[in-house]
Amino acid sequence: MKRRDFIQQTSAGTALISLGGIGLSSFTTLGTKKITILHTNDVHSHIDPFGPEDGRNANKGGVARRASLIESIRKENPHTILLDAGDIFQGTPYFNYYGGELEFKLMSMLKYDAATIGNHDFDNGIDGLYAQLPHATFEFISANYDFSNTVMNSHVKPYKTFSKDGIKIGLFGLGIELQGLVDPLMFKETKYLDPIEITQDMTRILKTEEKCDLIICLSHLGYNYRNEASKISDLKLASLTKDIDLIIGGHTHTFLPKPTIVKNIVGKNILVNQVGCYGINLGKIDFYFDSDMNKAANGTSIFV
């Protein structure tokens, strides 16, 4: 599988990880609240499960199986949010034939809450992406794509907030630079804005103005670029910014068995996660809040 990258770095496991340097003893009380974040990335139009002869992916994935898994998790914890980190399109004949209609309809049936936009989501051009929007009941979030002079203007929000069990959650999206990846005729006048600068703006708004208790970045920047030190990635974004609690990534098809822990610019823990590609895995991150709104988390990647 191209770009498949099994990362063996310091990661969050089943034990709670404190976010912000607070001790973990307070999270054993009865007043603890739990918010579950489920996520996918780079599904690439894989609607059906892989067949029994498909090598290492044999009998894995499929939207129907993912739906059953998501339903069971929601029953366990109704305070659950479902997100996608982009590259919904391109990869099977379903996209070639339906142009993204089926993907958006199925994601709507699974009750996705939001998605960001990946480079392959422009493969039928920005007009093709726009044409499929009526089939999506969820919102698209991207803060560093300026769609002002395109048909997507006003159809993509820089950020979104949710309230679950009294916890306010802020979500913002980031996309990879399209120049060099996508034919300019496909994205037309879409402008790429610097992810670090945009993140500083978004976290200030979500933390200070919106008063969010949990801040999530939905990213299609890529997990890491070892041989391209100047290229922005999720790990670099985490280390150079503050006030993000979780980065949900995409683009590099990186299979992480559990989230990576990164110290942000002020030395606090951030979780960075990505679950490969093709709907093979579902990411699950549980956040716990004590009565003083201190945070802890754990996470895992679940085979579908």
Protein backbone atom coordinates (compact mmCIF):
# COMPACT_ATOMS: atom_id res chain seq x y z
CA MET A 1 0.00 0.00 0.00
CA LYS A 2 1.50 3.34 -1.04
CA ARG A 3 2.64 5.65 1.75
CA ARG A 4 1.63 3.21 4.43
CA ASP A 5 3.66 4.17 7.44
CA PHE A 6 3.56 2.30 10.72
CA ILE A 7 4.79 4.73 13.37
CA GLN A 8 6.45 3.45 16.53
CA GLN A 9 6.74 6.63 18.57
CA THR A 10 5.76 7.62 22.08
CA SER A 11 1.99 7.30 21.98
CA ALA A 12 -1.12 7.44 24.12
CA GLY A 13 -2.35 3.99 25.02
CA THR A 14 -5.22 2.73 27.10
CA ALA A 15 -3.98 4.66 30.14
CA LEU A 16 -5.21 8.20 30.63
CA ILE A 17 -2.94 10.97 29.38
CA SER A 18 -3.18 14.30 31.19
CA LEU A 19 -3.63 17.34 28.94
CA GLY A 20 -2.25 20.44 30.59
CA GLY A 21 -0.12 18.87 33.29
CA ILE A 22 -2.95 18.20 35.76
CA GLY A 23 -2.77 15.09 37.93
CA LEU A 24 -5.02 12.18 37.00
CA SER A 25 -6.51 11.43 40.41
CA SER A 26 -9.46 13.83 39.90
CA PHE A 27 -10.73 11.80 36.93
CA THR A 28 -11.80 8.89 39.14
CA THR A 29 -14.73 10.81 40.62
CA LEU A 30 -18.36 10.18 39.76
CA GLY A 31 -18.64 13.68 38.28
CA THR A 32 -16.28 12.94 35.39
CA LYS A 33 -17.73 13.64 31.94
CA LYS A 34 -16.70 11.65 28.86
CA ILE A 35 -16.71 12.92 25.26
CA THR A 36 -15.90 10.46 22.46
CA ILE A 37 -14.40 11.56 19.14
CA LEU A 38 -14.65 9.08 16.25
CA HIS A 39 -12.80 9.77 13.02
CA THR A 40 -11.79 8.56 9.57
CA ASN A 41 -9.47 9.90 6.86
CA ASP A 42 -8.54 9.12 3.26
CA VAL A 43 -11.44 6.72 2.75
CA HIS A 44 -11.07 7.30 -1.02
CA SER A 45 -14.49 6.06 -2.12
CA HIS A 46 -14.05 2.60 -0.55
CA ILE A 47 -17.69 1.71 0.00
CA ASP A 48 -17.38 -2.07 0.05
CA PRO A 49 -15.10 -4.13 2.31
CA PHE A 50 -11.96 -5.59 0.80
CA GLY A 51 -12.43 -9.08 -0.57
CA PRO A 52 -10.97 -12.29 0.88
CA GLU A 53 -8.13 -12.25 -1.67
CA ASP A 54 -7.02 -8.65 -1.05
CA GLY A 55 -3.77 -9.41 0.72
CA ARG A 56 -3.16 -7.72 4.05
CA ASN A 57 -6.47 -5.85 3.81
CA ALA A 58 -8.56 -8.98 3.18
CA ASN A 59 -12.07 -8.78 4.66
CA LYS A 60 -11.45 -5.38 6.23
CA GLY A 61 -13.32 -2.09 5.97
CA GLY A 62 -16.65 -1.31 4.36
CA VAL A 63 -19.22 1.38 5.16
CA ALA A 64 -21.82 -1.07 6.52
CA ARG A 65 -19.37 -2.45 9.08
CA ARG A 66 -18.27 1.03 10.05
CA ALA A 67 -21.91 2.01 10.54
CA SER A 68 -22.48 -0.90 12.94
CA LEU A 69 -19.35 -0.05 14.90
CA ILE A 70 -20.28 3.64 15.15
CA GLU A 71 -23.81 2.77 16.25
CA SER A 72 -22.53 0.54 19.06
CA ILE A 73 -20.13 3.25 20.30
CA ARG A 74 -22.88 5.88 20.24
CA LYS A 75 -25.09 3.59 22.32
CA GLU A 76 -22.28 3.27 24.84
CA ASN A 77 -21.72 7.04 24.91
CA PRO A 78 -24.31 9.35 23.32
CA HIS A 79 -21.87 12.27 23.73
CA THR A 80 -20.01 11.27 20.56
CA ILE A 81 -18.82 13.27 17.54
CA LEU A 82 -17.94 11.73 14.14
CA LEU A 83 -15.41 13.50 11.88
CA ASP A 84 -13.52 12.95 8.61
CA ALA A 85 -10.14 14.45 7.68
CA GLY A 86 -10.54 14.60 3.91
CA ASP A 87 -9.86 12.72 0.68
CA ILE A 88 -13.36 11.34 0.70
CA PHE A 89 -13.25 11.06 -3.11
CA GLN A 90 -11.25 9.05 -5.65
CA GLY A 91 -10.13 5.45 -5.49
CA THR A 92 -12.90 3.13 -6.72
CA PRO A 93 -15.38 3.06 -9.63
CA TYR A 94 -18.06 4.39 -7.29
CA PHE A 95 -16.45 7.82 -7.57
CA ASN A 96 -15.88 7.53 -11.32
CA TYR A 97 -19.56 6.71 -11.86
CA TYR A 98 -21.37 8.77 -9.20
CA GLY A 99 -18.92 11.66 -8.79
CA GLY A 100 -19.07 11.67 -4.99
CA GLU A 101 -22.84 11.50 -4.56
CA LEU A 102 -22.76 8.04 -2.98
CA GLU A 103 -19.94 8.92 -0.59
CA PHE A 104 -21.75 11.99 0.74
CA LYS A 105 -25.09 10.19 1.02
CA LEU A 106 -23.56 7.36 3.02
CA MET A 107 -21.62 9.71 5.30
CA SER A 108 -24.88 11.54 5.91
CA MET A 109 -26.58 8.26 6.81
CA LEU A 110 -23.77 7.56 9.28
CA LYS A 111 -24.43 11.04 10.73
CA TYR A 112 -21.00 12.55 10.31
CA ASP A 113 -20.83 15.87 12.13
CA ALA A 114 -18.16 17.54 9.98
CA ALA A 115 -15.38 16.92 7.45
CA THR A 116 -12.46 18.86 6.07
CA ILE A 117 -11.41 18.96 2.41
CA GLY A 118 -8.52 16.93 0.98
CA ASN A 119 -6.65 17.44 -2.28
CA HIS A 120 -8.44 14.52 -3.98
CA ASP A 121 -11.80 16.07 -3.19
CA PHE A 122 -10.99 18.45 -6.08
CA ASP A 123 -10.54 15.59 -8.58
CA ASN A 124 -13.78 16.48 -10.36
CA GLY A 125 -12.89 20.13 -10.04
CA ILE A 126 -14.26 22.61 -7.55
CA ASP A 127 -17.49 22.67 -9.54
CA GLY A 128 -17.77 18.91 -9.17
CA LEU A 129 -17.29 19.19 -5.41
CA TYR A 130 -19.87 21.95 -5.21
CA ALA A 131 -22.38 19.89 -7.22
CA GLN A 132 -22.32 17.13 -4.59
CA LEU A 133 -22.90 19.39 -1.56
CA PRO A 134 -26.70 18.89 -1.55
CA HIS A 135 -26.06 15.22 -0.72
CA ALA A 136 -24.11 16.08 2.46
CA THR A 137 -26.03 16.81 5.67
CA PHE A 138 -22.76 17.44 7.51
CA GLU A 139 -20.66 20.61 7.29
CA PHE A 140 -17.29 21.19 5.66
CA ILE A 141 -14.70 22.95 7.80
CA SER A 142 -11.57 24.59 6.38
CA ALA A 143 -9.91 27.71 7.75
CA ASN A 144 -6.89 28.00 5.44
CA TYR A 145 -8.62 27.62 2.07
CA ASP A 146 -9.97 30.98 0.97
CA PHE A 147 -12.89 30.20 -1.33
CA SER A 148 -13.97 33.86 -1.70
CA ASN A 149 -13.94 33.94 -5.51
CA THR A 150 -15.24 30.42 -6.11
CA VAL A 151 -18.56 28.55 -6.09
CA MET A 152 -17.62 27.11 -2.67
CA ASN A 153 -17.71 30.56 -1.06
CA SER A 154 -20.07 30.55 1.97
CA HIS A 155 -20.38 26.74 1.78
CA VAL A 156 -17.29 26.05 3.90
CA LYS A 157 -16.85 27.36 7.44
CA PRO A 158 -13.48 28.03 9.09
CA TYR A 159 -14.68 26.52 12.36
CA LYS A 160 -17.65 24.97 14.10
CA THR A 161 -18.64 24.49 17.74
CA PHE A 162 -20.56 21.66 19.40
CA SER A 163 -22.00 21.22 22.86
CA LYS A 164 -22.00 17.74 24.40
CA ASP A 165 -23.01 17.11 28.02
CA GLY A 166 -22.20 20.70 28.93
CA ILE A 167 -18.76 20.55 27.26
CA LYS A 168 -18.16 23.09 24.49
CA ILE A 169 -16.05 21.70 21.65
CA GLY A 170 -14.41 23.83 18.97
CA LEU A 171 -13.35 22.37 15.62
CA PHE A 172 -11.36 24.02 12.84
CA GLY A 173 -10.04 22.60 9.57
CA LEU A 174 -6.75 22.84 7.66
CA GLY A 175 -5.92 21.70 4.12
CA ILE A 176 -2.64 20.96 2.36
CA GLU A 177 -1.20 23.33 -0.24
CA LEU A 178 -2.89 22.44 -3.53
CA GLN A 179 -0.26 23.93 -5.84
CA GLY A 180 1.84 21.06 -7.16
CA LEU A 181 -0.67 18.42 -6.07
CA VAL A 182 -3.77 19.49 -7.98
CA ASP A 183 -4.15 21.01 -11.45
CA PRO A 184 -4.93 24.72 -10.89
CA LEU A 185 -7.86 24.36 -13.28
CA MET A 186 -9.44 22.08 -10.67
CA PHE A 187 -9.24 24.40 -7.67
CA LYS A 188 -9.44 27.65 -9.70
CA GLU A 189 -9.12 30.74 -7.47
CA THR A 190 -8.94 28.90 -4.15
CA LYS A 191 -6.19 30.51 -2.07
CA TYR A 192 -3.99 28.59 0.38
CA LEU A 193 -3.31 30.40 3.66
CA ASP A 194 -0.45 29.65 6.06
CA PRO A 195 -1.58 26.90 8.49
CA ILE A 196 0.47 28.18 11.45
CA GLU A 197 -0.92 31.72 11.21
CA ILE A 198 -4.45 30.44 10.69
CA THR A 199 -4.12 28.07 13.65
CA GLN A 200 -3.08 30.94 15.90
CA ASP A 201 -6.18 32.86 14.80
CA MET A 202 -8.50 29.87 15.18
CA THR A 203 -7.29 28.81 18.63
CA ARG A 204 -7.55 32.40 19.89
CA ILE A 205 -11.14 32.63 18.63
CA LEU A 206 -12.15 29.22 19.95
CA LYS A 207 -10.40 29.58 23.30
CA THR A 208 -10.98 33.26 24.09
CA GLU A 209 -14.10 34.29 22.20
CA GLU A 210 -16.05 31.02 21.93
CA LYS A 211 -14.89 29.79 25.38
CA CYS A 212 -14.38 26.21 24.17
CA ASP A 213 -13.38 23.52 26.66
CA LEU A 214 -11.90 21.24 23.97
CA ILE A 215 -10.25 22.32 20.69
CA ILE A 216 -9.77 19.94 17.76
CA CYS A 217 -7.93 20.55 14.50
CA LEU A 218 -9.22 18.52 11.56
CA SER A 219 -6.18 18.42 9.28
CA HIS A 220 -5.29 17.22 5.79
CA LEU A 221 -1.70 18.44 6.07
CA GLY A 222 -0.03 15.04 6.57
CA TYR A 223 1.42 13.41 9.67
CA ASN A 224 5.16 14.04 9.15
CA TYR A 225 7.70 14.68 6.38
CA ARG A 226 11.10 13.40 7.50
CA ASN A 227 12.93 14.48 4.34
CA GLU A 228 11.18 17.82 3.91
CA ALA A 229 12.01 19.79 7.04
CA SER A 230 10.35 22.98 5.79
CA LYS A 231 7.02 21.33 4.97
CA ILE A 232 4.26 21.81 7.50
CA SER A 233 2.84 18.63 9.03
CA ASP A 234 0.62 17.68 11.94
CA LEU A 235 3.60 17.00 14.21
CA LYS A 236 5.16 20.35 13.33
CA LEU A 237 1.85 22.17 13.73
CA ALA A 238 1.41 20.63 17.18
CA SER A 239 4.85 21.69 18.34
CA LEU A 240 4.64 25.29 17.06
CA THR A 241 1.19 26.26 18.37
CA LYS A 242 -0.85 26.15 21.56
CA ASP A 243 -4.39 25.48 22.83
CA ILE A 244 -5.10 22.55 20.46
CA ASP A 245 -6.02 19.38 22.35
CA LEU A 246 -6.27 16.97 19.41
CA ILE A 247 -5.14 16.99 15.78
CA ILE A 248 -7.01 14.50 13.59
CA GLY A 249 -4.95 14.06 10.45
CA GLY A 250 -5.05 12.75 6.91
CA HIS A 251 -3.23 12.79 3.56
CA THR A 252 -0.16 10.63 4.35
CA HIS A 253 -2.16 7.41 4.94
CA THR A 254 -0.34 6.95 8.24
CA PHE A 255 -1.51 3.99 10.30
CA LEU A 256 -1.17 4.85 13.97
CA PRO A 257 -2.24 2.17 16.46
CA LYS A 258 -2.85 4.95 18.99
CA PRO A 259 -2.40 8.74 19.10
CA THR A 260 1.05 10.27 19.27
CA ILE A 261 1.76 12.64 22.16
CA VAL A 262 3.45 15.92 21.21
CA LYS A 263 4.51 18.79 23.44
CA ASN A 264 3.12 22.08 22.16
CA ILE A 265 4.98 25.39 22.17
CA VAL A 266 4.23 25.92 25.89
CA GLY A 267 5.04 22.35 26.92
CA LYS A 268 1.53 20.90 27.19
CA ASN A 269 0.48 17.54 25.76
CA ILE A 270 -1.35 17.38 22.42
CA LEU A 271 -2.67 14.21 20.81
CA VAL A 272 -2.08 13.66 17.09
CA ASN A 273 -3.89 10.81 15.39
CA GLN A 274 -4.45 9.34 11.92
CA VAL A 275 -5.97 5.99 10.96
CA GLY A 276 -4.42 5.09 7.62
CA CYS A 277 -6.80 4.95 4.68
CA TYR A 278 -9.64 3.21 2.82
CA GLY A 279 -11.92 2.90 5.87
CA ILE A 280 -9.86 0.02 7.27
CA ASN A 281 -9.73 1.62 10.72
CA LEU A 282 -11.88 3.89 12.85
CA GLY A 283 -10.15 6.26 15.25
CA LYS A 284 -11.59 6.59 18.76
CA ILE A 285 -10.43 9.22 21.27
CA ASP A 286 -12.11 9.54 24.68
CA PHE A 287 -11.75 12.81 26.56
CA TYR A 288 -12.52 13.01 30.28
CA PHE A 289 -13.36 16.21 32.17
CA ASP A 290 -13.42 16.53 35.95
CA SER A 291 -15.57 19.02 37.86
CA ASP A 292 -12.91 21.74 37.38
CA MET A 293 -12.81 21.12 33.60
CA ASN A 294 -9.34 19.59 33.71
CA LYS A 295 -8.82 17.24 30.76
CA ALA A 296 -7.38 13.78 30.24
CA ALA A 297 -7.67 11.46 27.25
CA ASN A 298 -6.91 8.09 25.76
CA GLY A 299 -7.30 6.69 22.28
CA THR A 300 -6.98 3.77 19.95
CA SER A 301 -7.43 2.69 16.35
CA ILE A 302 -10.13 0.07 15.79
CA PHE A 303 -10.10 -2.39 12.88
CA VAL A 304 -13.33 -2.27 10.91
